[in-house]
PDB file of N, CA and C in Angstrom:
ATOM      1  N   MET A   1      78.434 157.736 132.821  1.00  0.00           N
ATOM      2  CA  MET A   1      77.887 156.441 132.501  1.00  0.00           C
ATOM      3  C   MET A   1      78.383 156.092 131.111  1.00  0.00           C
ATOM      4  N   SER A   2      79.259 155.151 131.016  1.00  0.00           N
ATOM      5  CA  SER A   2      79.726 154.693 129.720  1.00  0.00           C
ATOM      6  C   SER A   2      79.027 153.388 129.408  1.00  0.00           C
ATOM      7  N   MET A   3      78.511 153.283 128.194  1.00  0.00           N
ATOM      8  CA  MET A   3      77.730 152.113 127.841  1.00  0.00           C
ATOM      9  C   MET A   3      78.099 151.680 126.434  1.00  0.00           C
ATOM     10  N   VAL A   4      78.440 150.415 126.264  1.00  0.00           N
ATOM     11  CA  VAL A   4      78.684 149.889 124.937  1.00  0.00           C
ATOM     12  C   VAL A   4      77.339 149.751 124.246  1.00  0.00           C
ATOM     13  N   LEU A   5      77.301 150.103 122.964  1.00  0.00           N
ATOM     14  CA  LEU A   5      76.051 150.138 122.230  1.00  0.00           C
ATOM     15  C   LEU A   5      76.172 149.309 120.971  1.00  0.00           C
ATOM     16  N   ALA A   6      75.269 148.360 120.795  1.00  0.00           N
ATOM     17  CA  ALA A   6      75.210 147.556 119.575  1.00  0.00           C
ATOM     18  C   ALA A   6      74.120 148.141 118.687  1.00  0.00           C
ATOM     19  N   ASP A   7      74.374 148.149 117.373  1.00  0.00           N
ATOM     20  CA  ASP A   7      73.386 148.674 116.432  1.00  0.00           C
ATOM     21  C   ASP A   7      72.801 147.513 115.659  1.00  0.00           C
ATOM     22  N   ARG A   8      71.537 147.182 115.935  1.00  0.00           N
ATOM     23  CA  ARG A   8      70.859 146.070 115.267  1.00  0.00           C
ATOM     24  C   ARG A   8      69.730 146.585 114.382  1.00  0.00           C
ATOM     25  N   THR A   9      69.949 147.732 113.772  1.00  0.00           N
ATOM     26  CA  THR A   9      68.914 148.329 112.946  1.00  0.00           C
ATOM     27  C   THR A   9      69.233 148.139 111.472  1.00  0.00           C
ATOM     28  N   ALA A  10      68.211 148.229 110.666  1.00  0.00           N
ATOM     29  CA  ALA A  10      68.388 148.195 109.226  1.00  0.00           C
ATOM     30  C   ALA A  10      68.953 149.549 108.779  1.00  0.00           C
ATOM     31  N   VAL A  11      69.508 149.596 107.573  1.00  0.00           N
ATOM     32  CA  VAL A  11      70.009 150.865 107.050  1.00  0.00           C
ATOM     33  C   VAL A  11      68.883 151.891 107.053  1.00  0.00           C
ATOM     34  N   LEU A  12      67.728 151.493 106.587  1.00  0.00           N
ATOM     35  CA  LEU A  12      66.526 152.322 106.670  1.00  0.00           C
ATOM     36  C   LEU A  12      65.501 151.573 107.508  1.00  0.00           C
ATOM     37  N   SER A  13      64.925 152.258 108.474  1.00  0.00           N
ATOM     38  CA  SER A  13      63.904 151.610 109.296  1.00  0.00           C
ATOM     39  C   SER A  13      62.725 151.214 108.421  1.00  0.00           C
ATOM     40  N   PRO A  14      62.137 150.031 108.668  1.00  0.00           N
ATOM     41  CA  PRO A  14      60.948 149.637 107.910  1.00  0.00           C
ATOM     42  C   PRO A  14      59.804 150.633 108.132  1.00  0.00           C
ATOM     43  N   PRO A  15      58.899 150.769 107.156  1.00  0.00           N
ATOM     44  CA  PRO A  15      57.760 151.681 107.337  1.00  0.00           C
ATOM     45  C   PRO A  15      56.992 151.343 108.613  1.00  0.00           C
ATOM     46  N   GLY A  16      56.597 152.371 109.348  1.00  0.00           N
ATOM     47  CA  GLY A  16      55.850 152.171 110.589  1.00  0.00           C
ATOM     48  C   GLY A  16      56.733 151.837 111.778  1.00  0.00           C
ATOM     49  N   SER A  17      58.049 151.851 111.572  1.00  0.00           N
ATOM     50  CA  SER A  17      58.998 151.536 112.635  1.00  0.00           C
ATOM     51  C   SER A  17      59.785 152.778 113.017  1.00  0.00           C
ATOM     52  N   VAL A  18      60.330 152.729 114.218  1.00  0.00           N
ATOM     53  CA  VAL A  18      61.238 153.781 114.681  1.00  0.00           C
ATOM     54  C   VAL A  18      62.509 153.122 115.205  1.00  0.00           C
ATOM     55  N   ARG A  19      63.574 153.875 115.195  1.00  0.00           N
ATOM     56  CA  ARG A  19      64.836 153.415 115.759  1.00  0.00           C
ATOM     57  C   ARG A  19      64.801 153.739 117.250  1.00  0.00           C
ATOM     58  N   ALA A  20      64.913 152.711 118.080  1.00  0.00           N
ATOM     59  CA  ALA A  20      64.791 152.862 119.532  1.00  0.00           C
ATOM     60  C   ALA A  20      66.023 152.303 120.228  1.00  0.00           C
ATOM     61  N   LEU A  21      66.237 152.739 121.440  1.00  0.00           N
ATOM     62  CA  LEU A  21      67.334 152.260 122.269  1.00  0.00           C
ATOM     63  C   LEU A  21      66.770 151.295 123.296  1.00  0.00           C
ATOM     64  N   LEU A  22      67.222 150.051 123.265  1.00  0.00           N
ATOM     65  CA  LEU A  22      66.814 149.045 124.238  1.00  0.00           C
ATOM     66  C   LEU A  22      67.921 148.900 125.275  1.00  0.00           C
ATOM     67  N   ILE A  23      67.578 149.132 126.536  1.00  0.00           N
ATOM     68  CA  ILE A  23      68.550 149.004 127.633  1.00  0.00           C
ATOM     69  C   ILE A  23      68.129 147.818 128.488  1.00  0.00           C
ATOM     70  N   PRO A  24      68.816 146.662 128.313  1.00  0.00           N
ATOM     71  CA  PRO A  24      68.485 145.489 129.115  1.00  0.00           C
ATOM     72  C   PRO A  24      68.806 145.722 130.593  1.00  0.00           C
ATOM     73  N   VAL A  25      68.134 144.992 131.452  1.00  0.00           N
ATOM     74  CA  VAL A  25      68.382 145.127 132.884  1.00  0.00           C
ATOM     75  C   VAL A  25      69.741 144.548 133.267  1.00  0.00           C
ATOM     76  N   GLU A  26      70.160 143.484 132.602  1.00  0.00           N
ATOM     77  CA  GLU A  26      71.453 142.856 132.902  1.00  0.00           C
ATOM     78  C   GLU A  26      72.577 143.726 132.361  1.00  0.00           C
ATOM     79  N   GLN A  27      73.471 144.173 133.226  1.00  0.00           N
ATOM     80  CA  GLN A  27      74.535 145.065 132.800  1.00  0.00           C
ATOM     81  C   GLN A  27      75.528 144.396 131.856  1.00  0.00           C
ATOM     82  N   ALA A  28      75.592 143.076 131.875  1.00  0.00           N
ATOM     83  CA  ALA A  28      76.501 142.364 130.973  1.00  0.00           C
ATOM     84  C   ALA A  28      75.989 142.386 129.534  1.00  0.00           C
ATOM     85  N   GLU A  29      74.705 142.653 129.337  1.00  0.00           N
ATOM     86  CA  GLU A  29      74.123 142.711 128.001  1.00  0.00           C
ATOM     87  C   GLU A  29      74.297 144.114 127.427  1.00  0.00           C
ATOM     88  N   LEU A  30      74.594 144.181 126.131  1.00  0.00           N
ATOM     89  CA  LEU A  30      74.772 145.463 125.473  1.00  0.00           C
ATOM     90  C   LEU A  30      73.439 146.192 125.314  1.00  0.00           C
ATOM     91  N   ALA A  31      73.475 147.507 125.456  1.00  0.00           N
ATOM     92  CA  ALA A  31      72.340 148.323 125.035  1.00  0.00           C
ATOM     93  C   ALA A  31      72.344 148.286 123.512  1.00  0.00           C
ATOM     94  N   MET A  32      71.153 148.272 122.894  1.00  0.00           N
ATOM     95  CA  MET A  32      71.071 148.093 121.451  1.00  0.00           C
ATOM     96  C   MET A  32      70.164 149.108 120.798  1.00  0.00           C
ATOM     97  N   LEU A  33      70.563 149.552 119.616  1.00  0.00           N
ATOM     98  CA  LEU A  33      69.653 150.290 118.758  1.00  0.00           C
ATOM     99  C   LEU A  33      68.888 149.248 117.965  1.00  0.00           C
ATOM    100  N   ILE A  34      67.563 149.322 118.036  1.00  0.00           N
ATOM    101  CA  ILE A  34      66.730 148.350 117.331  1.00  0.00           C
ATOM    102  C   ILE A  34      65.623 149.088 116.580  1.00  0.00           C
ATOM    103  N   ASP A  35      65.087 148.426 115.570  1.00  0.00           N
ATOM    104  CA  ASP A  35      63.902 148.936 114.890  1.00  0.00           C
ATOM    105  C   ASP A  35      62.693 148.287 115.555  1.00  0.00           C
ATOM    106  N   VAL A  36      61.721 149.107 115.943  1.00  0.00           N
ATOM    107  CA  VAL A  36      60.520 148.592 116.596  1.00  0.00           C
ATOM    108  C   VAL A  36      59.303 149.302 116.003  1.00  0.00           C
ATOM    109  N   GLU A  37      58.223 148.553 115.828  1.00  0.00           N
ATOM    110  CA  GLU A  37      56.987 149.176 115.369  1.00  0.00           C
ATOM    111  C   GLU A  37      56.511 150.161 116.421  1.00  0.00           C
ATOM    112  N   SER A  38      56.035 151.293 115.970  1.00  0.00           N
ATOM    113  CA  SER A  38      55.613 152.327 116.922  1.00  0.00           C
ATOM    114  C   SER A  38      54.162 152.120 117.352  1.00  0.00           C
ATOM    115  N   ARG A  39      53.902 150.975 117.979  1.00  0.00           N
ATOM    116  CA  ARG A  39      52.597 150.659 118.574  1.00  0.00           C
ATOM    117  C   ARG A  39      52.870 150.109 119.966  1.00  0.00           C
ATOM    118  N   SER A  40      51.963 150.346 120.883  1.00  0.00           N
ATOM    119  CA  SER A  40      52.202 149.918 122.268  1.00  0.00           C
ATOM    120  C   SER A  40      52.363 148.409 122.390  1.00  0.00           C
ATOM    121  N   ALA A  41      51.652 147.618 121.579  1.00  0.00           N
ATOM    122  CA  ALA A  41      51.779 146.157 121.662  1.00  0.00           C
ATOM    123  C   ALA A  41      53.191 145.716 121.270  1.00  0.00           C
ATOM    124  N   SER A  42      53.762 146.329 120.248  1.00  0.00           N
ATOM    125  CA  SER A  42      55.123 145.982 119.826  1.00  0.00           C
ATOM    126  C   SER A  42      56.142 146.418 120.866  1.00  0.00           C
ATOM    127  N   ILE A  43      55.928 147.591 121.441  1.00  0.00           N
ATOM    128  CA  ILE A  43      56.841 148.088 122.468  1.00  0.00           C
ATOM    129  C   ILE A  43      56.787 147.178 123.687  1.00  0.00           C
ATOM    130  N   SER A  44      55.596 146.796 124.116  1.00  0.00           N
ATOM    131  CA  SER A  44      55.446 145.884 125.245  1.00  0.00           C
ATOM    132  C   SER A  44      56.131 144.552 124.961  1.00  0.00           C
ATOM    133  N   SER A  45      55.930 144.021 123.778  1.00  0.00           N
ATOM    134  CA  SER A  45      56.538 142.745 123.392  1.00  0.00           C
ATOM    135  C   SER A  45      58.060 142.835 123.400  1.00  0.00           C
ATOM    136  N   THR A  46      58.605 143.942 122.917  1.00  0.00           N
ATOM    137  CA  THR A  46      60.057 144.149 122.909  1.00  0.00           C
ATOM    138  C   THR A  46      60.616 144.120 124.324  1.00  0.00           C
ATOM    139  N   LEU A  47      59.839 144.606 125.284  1.00  0.00           N
ATOM    140  CA  LEU A  47      60.282 144.653 126.679  1.00  0.00           C
ATOM    141  C   LEU A  47      60.003 143.360 127.439  1.00  0.00           C
ATOM    142  N   GLY A  48      59.417 142.382 126.791  1.00  0.00           N
ATOM    143  CA  GLY A  48      59.154 141.107 127.442  1.00  0.00           C
ATOM    144  C   GLY A  48      57.688 140.803 127.640  1.00  0.00           C
ATOM    145  N   GLY A  49      56.803 141.704 127.246  1.00  0.00           N
ATOM    146  CA  GLY A  49      55.363 141.476 127.361  1.00  0.00           C
ATOM    147  C   GLY A  49      54.805 141.947 128.685  1.00  0.00           C
ATOM    148  N   GLY A  50      53.599 142.427 128.654  1.00  0.00           N
ATOM    149  CA  GLY A  50      52.936 142.899 129.863  1.00  0.00           C
ATOM    150  C   GLY A  50      52.420 144.309 129.677  1.00  0.00           C
ATOM    151  N   LEU A  51      51.835 144.847 130.738  1.00  0.00           N
ATOM    152  CA  LEU A  51      51.304 146.201 130.701  1.00  0.00           C
ATOM    153  C   LEU A  51      52.434 147.210 130.790  1.00  0.00           C
ATOM    154  N   LEU A  52      52.326 148.275 129.998  1.00  0.00           N
ATOM    155  CA  LEU A  52      53.308 149.345 130.074  1.00  0.00           C
ATOM    156  C   LEU A  52      52.989 150.250 131.254  1.00  0.00           C
ATOM    157  N   ALA A  53      54.026 150.643 131.997  1.00  0.00           N
ATOM    158  CA  ALA A  53      53.869 151.615 133.077  1.00  0.00           C
ATOM    159  C   ALA A  53      53.804 153.005 132.454  1.00  0.00           C
ATOM    160  N   ASP A  54      53.445 154.009 133.252  1.00  0.00           N
ATOM    161  CA  ASP A  54      53.468 155.379 132.752  1.00  0.00           C
ATOM    162  C   ASP A  54      54.877 155.701 132.268  1.00  0.00           C
ATOM    163  N   PRO A  55      55.013 156.160 131.029  1.00  0.00           N
ATOM    164  CA  PRO A  55      56.360 156.448 130.516  1.00  0.00           C
ATOM    165  C   PRO A  55      56.911 157.732 131.109  1.00  0.00           C
ATOM    166  N   LEU A  56      58.233 157.844 131.095  1.00  0.00           N
ATOM    167  CA  LEU A  56      58.901 159.092 131.466  1.00  0.00           C
ATOM    168  C   LEU A  56      59.167 159.838 130.168  1.00  0.00           C
ATOM    169  N   THR A  57      58.722 161.077 130.087  1.00  0.00           N
ATOM    170  CA  THR A  57      58.930 161.866 128.883  1.00  0.00           C
ATOM    171  C   THR A  57      59.576 163.193 129.238  1.00  0.00           C
ATOM    172  N   GLY A  58      60.152 163.815 128.246  1.00  0.00           N
ATOM    173  CA  GLY A  58      60.756 165.123 128.448  1.00  0.00           C
ATOM    174  C   GLY A  58      61.351 165.615 127.149  1.00  0.00           C
ATOM    175  N   SER A  59      62.071 166.725 127.237  1.00  0.00           N
ATOM    176  CA  SER A  59      62.741 167.301 126.077  1.00  0.00           C
ATOM    177  C   SER A  59      64.227 167.404 126.362  1.00  0.00           C
ATOM    178  N   THR A  60      65.011 167.187 125.335  1.00  0.00           N
ATOM    179  CA  THR A  60      66.460 167.347 125.460  1.00  0.00           C
ATOM    180  C   THR A  60      66.790 168.837 125.424  1.00  0.00           C
ATOM    181  N   PRO A  61      67.981 169.230 125.884  1.00  0.00           N
ATOM    182  CA  PRO A  61      68.347 170.658 125.857  1.00  0.00           C
ATOM    183  C   PRO A  61      68.305 171.275 124.458  1.00  0.00           C
ATOM    184  N   ASP A  62      68.555 170.446 123.423  1.00  0.00           N
ATOM    185  CA  ASP A  62      68.526 170.988 122.060  1.00  0.00           C
ATOM    186  C   ASP A  62      67.145 170.861 121.410  1.00  0.00           C
ATOM    187  N   GLY A  63      66.128 170.434 122.166  1.00  0.00           N
ATOM    188  CA  GLY A  63      64.759 170.487 121.679  1.00  0.00           C
ATOM    189  C   GLY A  63      64.013 169.185 121.485  1.00  0.00           C
ATOM    190  N   PRO A  64      64.603 168.129 120.873  1.00  0.00           N
ATOM    191  CA  PRO A  64      63.821 166.911 120.629  1.00  0.00           C
ATOM    192  C   PRO A  64      63.278 166.281 121.910  1.00  0.00           C
ATOM    193  N   ARG A  65      62.074 165.742 121.788  1.00  0.00           N
ATOM    194  CA  ARG A  65      61.437 165.061 122.910  1.00  0.00           C
ATOM    195  C   ARG A  65      61.822 163.579 122.906  1.00  0.00           C
ATOM    196  N   TYR A  66      61.718 162.960 124.075  1.00  0.00           N
ATOM    197  CA  TYR A  66      62.043 161.535 124.228  1.00  0.00           C
ATOM    198  C   TYR A  66      61.016 160.876 125.133  1.00  0.00           C
ATOM    199  N   CYS A  67      61.026 159.536 125.115  1.00  0.00           N
ATOM    200  CA  CYS A  67      60.131 158.759 125.959  1.00  0.00           C
ATOM    201  C   CYS A  67      60.863 157.513 126.428  1.00  0.00           C
ATOM    202  N   LEU A  68      60.831 157.235 127.721  1.00  0.00           N
ATOM    203  CA  LEU A  68      61.376 156.011 128.286  1.00  0.00           C
ATOM    204  C   LEU A  68      60.206 155.104 128.632  1.00  0.00           C
ATOM    205  N   TYR A  69      60.077 154.004 127.884  1.00  0.00           N
ATOM    206  CA  TYR A  69      59.023 153.029 128.126  1.00  0.00           C
ATOM    207  C   TYR A  69      59.549 151.938 129.047  1.00  0.00           C
ATOM    208  N   ARG A  70      58.668 151.459 129.916  1.00  0.00           N
ATOM    209  CA  ARG A  70      58.998 150.340 130.801  1.00  0.00           C
ATOM    210  C   ARG A  70      57.722 149.596 131.112  1.00  0.00           C
ATOM    211  N   LEU A  71      57.885 148.365 131.550  1.00  0.00           N
ATOM    212  CA  LEU A  71      56.719 147.574 131.938  1.00  0.00           C
ATOM    213  C   LEU A  71      56.329 147.915 133.365  1.00  0.00           C
ATOM    214  N   ASP A  72      55.073 147.698 133.680  1.00  0.00           N
ATOM    215  CA  ASP A  72      54.591 147.839 135.045  1.00  0.00           C
ATOM    216  C   ASP A  72      55.066 146.601 135.792  1.00  0.00           C
ATOM    217  N   THR A  73      56.156 146.735 136.538  1.00  0.00           N
ATOM    218  CA  THR A  73      56.805 145.567 137.137  1.00  0.00           C
ATOM    219  C   THR A  73      56.646 145.527 138.648  1.00  0.00           C
ATOM    220  N   ALA A  74      56.837 144.351 139.174  1.00  0.00           N
ATOM    221  CA  ALA A  74      56.790 144.137 140.620  1.00  0.00           C
ATOM    222  C   ALA A  74      58.108 144.601 141.244  1.00  0.00           C
ATOM    223  N   PRO A  75      58.082 144.933 142.541  1.00  0.00           N
ATOM    224  CA  PRO A  75      59.293 145.420 143.222  1.00  0.00           C
ATOM    225  C   PRO A  75      60.462 144.434 143.211  1.00  0.00           C
ATOM    226  N   GLU A  76      60.171 143.148 143.035  1.00  0.00           N
ATOM    227  CA  GLU A  76      61.271 142.181 143.046  1.00  0.00           C
ATOM    228  C   GLU A  76      62.033 142.125 141.717  1.00  0.00           C
ATOM    229  N   VAL A  77      61.517 142.773 140.685  1.00  0.00           N
ATOM    230  CA  VAL A  77      62.245 142.841 139.406  1.00  0.00           C
ATOM    231  C   VAL A  77      63.465 143.727 139.625  1.00  0.00           C
ATOM    232  N   PRO A  78      64.629 143.297 139.150  1.00  0.00           N
ATOM    233  CA  PRO A  78      65.853 144.066 139.401  1.00  0.00           C
ATOM    234  C   PRO A  78      65.812 145.480 138.816  1.00  0.00           C
ATOM    235  N   GLU A  79      66.486 146.390 139.497  1.00  0.00           N
ATOM    236  CA  GLU A  79      66.606 147.763 139.006  1.00  0.00           C
ATOM    237  C   GLU A  79      67.468 147.777 137.747  1.00  0.00           C
ATOM    238  N   ASN A  80      67.094 148.601 136.808  1.00  0.00           N
ATOM    239  CA  ASN A  80      67.897 148.825 135.607  1.00  0.00           C
ATOM    240  C   ASN A  80      68.759 150.047 135.912  1.00  0.00           C
ATOM    241  N   VAL A  81      69.961 149.785 136.402  1.00  0.00           N
ATOM    242  CA  VAL A  81      70.855 150.848 136.862  1.00  0.00           C
ATOM    243  C   VAL A  81      71.206 151.800 135.726  1.00  0.00           C
ATOM    244  N   ARG A  82      71.480 151.274 134.541  1.00  0.00           N
ATOM    245  CA  ARG A  82      71.863 152.129 133.408  1.00  0.00           C
ATOM    246  C   ARG A  82      70.699 153.020 132.986  1.00  0.00           C
ATOM    247  N   ALA A  83      69.482 152.480 132.937  1.00  0.00           N
ATOM    248  CA  ALA A  83      68.325 153.280 132.534  1.00  0.00           C
ATOM    249  C   ALA A  83      67.989 154.329 133.591  1.00  0.00           C
ATOM    250  N   THR A  84      68.092 153.963 134.862  1.00  0.00           N
ATOM    251  CA  THR A  84      67.843 154.926 135.934  1.00  0.00           C
ATOM    252  C   THR A  84      68.852 156.064 135.850  1.00  0.00           C
ATOM    253  N   SER A  85      70.122 155.733 135.635  1.00  0.00           N
ATOM    254  CA  SER A  85      71.171 156.744 135.513  1.00  0.00           C
ATOM    255  C   SER A  85      70.914 157.662 134.317  1.00  0.00           C
ATOM    256  N   LEU A  86      70.506 157.079 133.181  1.00  0.00           N
ATOM    257  CA  LEU A  86      70.190 157.878 131.998  1.00  0.00           C
ATOM    258  C   LEU A  86      69.024 158.816 132.293  1.00  0.00           C
ATOM    259  N   ALA A  87      67.978 158.316 132.935  1.00  0.00           N
ATOM    260  CA  ALA A  87      66.813 159.148 133.252  1.00  0.00           C
ATOM    261  C   ALA A  87      67.204 160.313 134.162  1.00  0.00           C
ATOM    262  N   ILE A  88      68.060 160.065 135.123  1.00  0.00           N
ATOM    263  CA  ILE A  88      68.522 161.129 136.015  1.00  0.00           C
ATOM    264  C   ILE A  88      69.308 162.168 135.220  1.00  0.00           C
ATOM    265  N   ARG A  89      70.177 161.705 134.309  1.00  0.00           N
ATOM    266  CA  ARG A  89      70.955 162.631 133.477  1.00  0.00           C
ATOM    267  C   ARG A  89      70.063 163.435 132.540  1.00  0.00           C
ATOM    268  N   LEU A  90      68.904 162.891 132.205  1.00  0.00           N
ATOM    269  CA  LEU A  90      67.941 163.609 131.366  1.00  0.00           C
ATOM    270  C   LEU A  90      67.080 164.578 132.183  1.00  0.00           C
ATOM    271  N   GLY A  91      67.261 164.597 133.501  1.00  0.00           N
ATOM    272  CA  GLY A  91      66.561 165.562 134.335  1.00  0.00           C
ATOM    273  C   GLY A  91      65.467 165.009 135.215  1.00  0.00           C
ATOM    274  N   HIS A  92      65.296 163.708 135.233  1.00  0.00           N
ATOM    275  CA  HIS A  92      64.271 163.102 136.093  1.00  0.00           C
ATOM    276  C   HIS A  92      64.861 162.881 137.493  1.00  0.00           C
ATOM    277  N   LEU A  93      65.093 163.985 138.197  1.00  0.00           N
ATOM    278  CA  LEU A  93      65.779 163.936 139.481  1.00  0.00           C
ATOM    279  C   LEU A  93      64.971 163.249 140.561  1.00  0.00           C
ATOM    280  N   LEU A  94      63.655 163.137 140.371  1.00  0.00           N
ATOM    281  CA  LEU A  94      62.845 162.457 141.378  1.00  0.00           C
ATOM    282  C   LEU A  94      63.285 161.004 141.537  1.00  0.00           C
ATOM    283  N   LEU A  95      63.968 160.471 140.522  1.00  0.00           N
ATOM    284  CA  LEU A  95      64.433 159.089 140.618  1.00  0.00           C
ATOM    285  C   LEU A  95      65.588 158.945 141.615  1.00  0.00           C
ATOM    286  N   LEU A  96      66.203 160.066 142.000  1.00  0.00           N
ATOM    287  CA  LEU A  96      67.296 159.987 142.968  1.00  0.00           C
ATOM    288  C   LEU A  96      66.804 159.442 144.306  1.00  0.00           C
ATOM    289  N   ASP A  97      65.597 159.824 144.695  1.00  0.00           N
ATOM    290  CA  ASP A  97      65.096 159.461 146.014  1.00  0.00           C
ATOM    291  C   ASP A  97      63.929 158.492 145.995  1.00  0.00           C
ATOM    292  N   GLN A  98      63.313 158.302 144.841  1.00  0.00           N
ATOM    293  CA  GLN A  98      62.086 157.518 144.821  1.00  0.00           C
ATOM    294  C   GLN A  98      62.231 156.295 143.927  1.00  0.00           C
ATOM    295  N   VAL A  99      61.306 156.166 143.029  1.00  0.00           N
ATOM    296  CA  VAL A  99      61.187 154.990 142.172  1.00  0.00           C
ATOM    297  C   VAL A  99      62.408 154.827 141.287  1.00  0.00           C
ATOM    298  N   ARG A 100      62.877 153.619 141.199  1.00  0.00           N
ATOM    299  CA  ARG A 100      63.940 153.270 140.258  1.00  0.00           C
ATOM    300  C   ARG A 100      63.294 152.565 139.082  1.00  0.00           C
ATOM    301  N   LEU A 101      63.912 152.675 137.916  1.00  0.00           N
ATOM    302  CA  LEU A 101      63.407 151.952 136.754  1.00  0.00           C
ATOM    303  C   LEU A 101      63.782 150.489 136.896  1.00  0.00           C
ATOM    304  N   ARG A 102      62.831 149.619 136.669  1.00  0.00           N
ATOM    305  CA  ARG A 102      63.039 148.184 136.837  1.00  0.00           C
ATOM    306  C   ARG A 102      62.804 147.480 135.513  1.00  0.00           C
ATOM    307  N   GLY A 103      63.570 146.431 135.276  1.00  0.00           N
ATOM    308  CA  GLY A 103      63.430 145.666 134.048  1.00  0.00           C
ATOM    309  C   GLY A 103      64.004 146.402 132.851  1.00  0.00           C
ATOM    310  N   ALA A 104      63.777 145.845 131.661  1.00  0.00           N
ATOM    311  CA  ALA A 104      64.272 146.449 130.426  1.00  0.00           C
ATOM    312  C   ALA A 104      63.551 147.772 130.169  1.00  0.00           C
ATOM    313  N   VAL A 105      64.250 148.701 129.527  1.00  0.00           N
ATOM    314  CA  VAL A 105      63.702 150.012 129.207  1.00  0.00           C
ATOM    315  C   VAL A 105      63.948 150.281 127.726  1.00  0.00           C
ATOM    316  N   LEU A 106      62.962 150.865 127.054  1.00  0.00           N
ATOM    317  CA  LEU A 106      63.056 151.210 125.642  1.00  0.00           C
ATOM    318  C   LEU A 106      62.909 152.719 125.520  1.00  0.00           C
ATOM    319  N   VAL A 107      63.850 153.351 124.810  1.00  0.00           N
ATOM    320  CA  VAL A 107      63.834 154.806 124.654  1.00  0.00           C
ATOM    321  C   VAL A 107      63.568 155.149 123.188  1.00  0.00           C
ATOM    322  N   THR A 108      62.573 156.003 122.965  1.00  0.00           N
ATOM    323  CA  THR A 108      62.268 156.503 121.624  1.00  0.00           C
ATOM    324  C   THR A 108      62.257 158.025 121.663  1.00  0.00           C
ATOM    325  N   GLY A 109      62.120 158.616 120.499  1.00  0.00           N
ATOM    326  CA  GLY A 109      61.841 160.036 120.411  1.00  0.00           C
ATOM    327  C   GLY A 109      60.333 160.223 120.376  1.00  0.00           C
ATOM    328  N   LEU A 110      59.888 161.441 120.550  1.00  0.00           N
ATOM    329  CA  LEU A 110      58.461 161.769 120.459  1.00  0.00           C
ATOM    330  C   LEU A 110      58.273 162.943 119.503  1.00  0.00           C
ATOM    331  N   HIS A 111      57.231 162.866 118.695  1.00  0.00           N
ATOM    332  CA  HIS A 111      56.889 163.935 117.767  1.00  0.00           C
ATOM    333  C   HIS A 111      56.584 165.198 118.562  1.00  0.00           C
ATOM    334  N   PRO A 112      57.049 166.365 118.107  1.00  0.00           N
ATOM    335  CA  PRO A 112      56.829 167.600 118.862  1.00  0.00           C
ATOM    336  C   PRO A 112      55.365 167.974 119.078  1.00  0.00           C
ATOM    337  N   GLY A 113      54.487 167.616 118.142  1.00  0.00           N
ATOM    338  CA  GLY A 113      53.097 168.034 118.260  1.00  0.00           C
ATOM    339  C   GLY A 113      52.154 166.957 118.743  1.00  0.00           C
ATOM    340  N   SER A 114      52.686 165.759 119.060  1.00  0.00           N
ATOM    341  CA  SER A 114      51.840 164.659 119.517  1.00  0.00           C
ATOM    342  C   SER A 114      52.695 163.702 120.328  1.00  0.00           C
ATOM    343  N   ASP A 115      52.114 162.595 120.700  1.00  0.00           N
ATOM    344  CA  ASP A 115      52.885 161.577 121.412  1.00  0.00           C
ATOM    345  C   ASP A 115      53.234 160.413 120.489  1.00  0.00           C
ATOM    346  N   ASP A 116      53.289 160.662 119.184  1.00  0.00           N
ATOM    347  CA  ASP A 116      53.710 159.629 118.243  1.00  0.00           C
ATOM    348  C   ASP A 116      55.207 159.399 118.387  1.00  0.00           C
ATOM    349  N   ASP A 117      55.605 158.136 118.344  1.00  0.00           N
ATOM    350  CA  ASP A 117      57.022 157.797 118.491  1.00  0.00           C
ATOM    351  C   ASP A 117      57.823 158.186 117.257  1.00  0.00           C
ATOM    352  N   LEU A 118      59.062 158.589 117.496  1.00  0.00           N
ATOM    353  CA  LEU A 118      60.055 158.887 116.468  1.00  0.00           C
ATOM    354  C   LEU A 118      61.345 158.161 116.840  1.00  0.00           C
ATOM    355  N   ASP A 119      62.361 158.272 115.987  1.00  0.00           N
ATOM    356  CA  ASP A 119      63.667 157.710 116.324  1.00  0.00           C
ATOM    357  C   ASP A 119      64.203 158.349 117.599  1.00  0.00           C
ATOM    358  N   VAL A 120      64.952 157.568 118.372  1.00  0.00           N
ATOM    359  CA  VAL A 120      65.557 158.069 119.612  1.00  0.00           C
ATOM    360  C   VAL A 120      66.448 159.271 119.273  1.00  0.00           C
ATOM    361  N   PRO A 121      66.355 160.362 120.043  1.00  0.00           N
ATOM    362  CA  PRO A 121      67.170 161.545 119.748  1.00  0.00           C
ATOM    363  C   PRO A 121      68.675 161.276 119.912  1.00  0.00           C
ATOM    364  N   ARG A 122      69.448 161.911 119.048  1.00  0.00           N
ATOM    365  CA  ARG A 122      70.912 161.782 119.093  1.00  0.00           C
ATOM    366  C   ARG A 122      71.458 162.182 120.470  1.00  0.00           C
ATOM    367  N   TYR A 123      70.884 163.210 121.085  1.00  0.00           N
ATOM    368  CA  TYR A 123      71.339 163.666 122.394  1.00  0.00           C
ATOM    369  C   TYR A 123      71.300 162.541 123.425  1.00  0.00           C
ATOM    370  N   VAL A 124      70.241 161.750 123.400  1.00  0.00           N
ATOM    371  CA  VAL A 124      70.114 160.631 124.348  1.00  0.00           C
ATOM    372  C   VAL A 124      71.254 159.641 124.117  1.00  0.00           C
ATOM    373  N   LEU A 125      71.544 159.339 122.851  1.00  0.00           N
ATOM    374  CA  LEU A 125      72.628 158.405 122.541  1.00  0.00           C
ATOM    375  C   LEU A 125      73.979 158.958 122.968  1.00  0.00           C
ATOM    376  N   GLU A 126      74.169 160.278 122.816  1.00  0.00           N
ATOM    377  CA  GLU A 126      75.435 160.894 123.224  1.00  0.00           C
ATOM    378  C   GLU A 126      75.653 160.809 124.730  1.00  0.00           C
ATOM    379  N   LEU A 127      74.583 160.797 125.514  1.00  0.00           N
ATOM    380  CA  LEU A 127      74.719 160.669 126.969  1.00  0.00           C
ATOM    381  C   LEU A 127      75.286 159.308 127.361  1.00  0.00           C
ATOM    382  N   LEU A 128      75.153 158.330 126.491  1.00  0.00           N
ATOM    383  CA  LEU A 128      75.645 156.994 126.800  1.00  0.00           C
ATOM    384  C   LEU A 128      77.156 156.899 126.689  1.00  0.00           C
ATOM    385  N   GLY A 129      77.741 157.763 125.871  1.00  0.00           N
ATOM    386  CA  GLY A 129      79.132 157.641 125.501  1.00  0.00           C
ATOM    387  C   GLY A 129      80.120 158.093 126.468  1.00  0.00           C
TER     388      GLY A 129
END
């Protein structure tokens, strides 16, 4: 999966923000690194507003944890092929046969001792390349 990536982040993330990967549903749109406040309302707003679905979480082979946020969407919302492919590459093999990720997806890192958001792990970004 090769994906062009735009970096729309500040040199230093603002306080209370994390560097996240936004993967739009439209394949013609670039995936972007963005600064987002690490609160569920800001994450929901970044994805277009609405209730967040249960996130997909896990750990990369080199240790850092990650989280894929998505909205609780209706079946008619288009599949996010790039995000589904990334999730499968991260080990979420159940997506091969079942639920596909729909709509925009936001990927962050997760603190090792809690579910607090951190910057998206480098490993996740390397999978895009």
